Protein backbone atom coordinates (compact mmCIF):
# COMPACT_ATOMS: atom_id res chain seq x y z
CA MET A 1 -11.36 59.61 7.17
CA PRO A 2 -11.27 62.79 9.06
CA ILE A 3 -9.51 62.90 12.17
CA VAL A 4 -11.58 63.98 15.24
CA SER A 5 -10.23 65.38 18.44
CA GLU A 6 -10.57 63.44 21.63
CA ASP A 7 -12.68 66.37 23.19
CA THR A 8 -15.08 66.28 20.25
CA ALA A 9 -15.32 62.40 20.39
CA SER A 10 -15.73 62.54 24.24
CA ALA A 11 -18.62 65.04 23.67
CA ALA A 12 -20.27 63.03 21.11
CA VAL A 13 -20.15 59.65 23.44
CA ARG A 14 -21.69 61.73 26.26
CA ALA A 15 -24.48 62.98 23.83
CA CYS A 16 -25.17 59.40 22.63
CA GLN A 17 -25.16 58.06 26.17
CA ALA A 18 -27.41 60.87 27.34
CA ALA A 19 -29.90 59.93 24.50
CA GLY A 20 -29.97 56.20 25.86
CA ILE A 21 -27.66 54.94 22.69
CA GLN A 22 -25.29 52.28 23.67
CA VAL A 23 -21.82 53.36 22.20
CA LYS A 24 -19.35 50.75 20.54
CA MET A 25 -15.90 51.66 19.28
CA ILE A 26 -13.98 50.00 16.68
CA THR A 27 -10.43 50.59 16.34
CA GLY A 28 -7.17 48.92 14.84
CA ASN A 29 -5.26 49.41 18.24
CA TYR A 30 -4.12 46.82 20.43
CA ALA A 31 -6.72 45.75 22.96
CA LEU A 32 -5.07 47.50 25.95
CA THR A 33 -4.59 50.69 23.96
CA ALA A 34 -8.28 50.37 22.80
CA VAL A 35 -9.53 50.06 26.42
CA THR A 36 -7.38 53.02 27.68
CA ILE A 37 -8.82 55.26 24.92
CA ALA A 38 -12.36 54.16 25.44
CA ARG A 39 -12.03 54.92 29.18
CA ARG A 40 -10.70 58.33 28.51
CA MET A 41 -13.52 59.06 26.19
CA GLY A 42 -16.18 58.31 28.79
CA LEU A 43 -16.95 54.52 27.87
CA GLY A 44 -16.86 52.20 30.77
CA GLN A 45 -18.25 54.52 33.38
CA THR A 46 -20.90 52.22 34.56
CA GLU A 47 -19.72 48.93 32.87
CA GLU A 48 -16.76 47.08 32.08
CA VAL A 49 -14.97 47.96 28.77
CA LEU A 50 -14.64 44.84 26.65
CA ALA A 51 -12.03 44.63 23.91
CA TYR A 52 -11.87 42.00 21.33
CA THR A 53 -8.82 41.27 19.14
CA GLY A 54 -9.35 40.83 15.39
CA HIS A 55 -8.36 36.92 15.88
CA LYS A 56 -11.30 36.62 18.51
CA LEU A 57 -13.96 38.41 16.28
CA ALA A 58 -13.03 36.00 13.60
CA GLN A 59 -13.74 33.14 15.95
CA MET A 60 -17.40 34.52 16.72
CA SER A 61 -20.48 33.62 14.85
CA ASP A 62 -23.00 35.93 13.70
């Protein structure tokens, strides 16, 4: 998987949001780290950033 710079990823997030696309992020980081990264990339500007651990996801139903 290619590594994308934060600037490139942030620009992609902004473009998606401008087009009305609701952006979701999946990462293997700890929840607090994931929230921090999401905010730096422009997610959560108008709503709360939610982070679910793998354990929480496993408990959710489809």
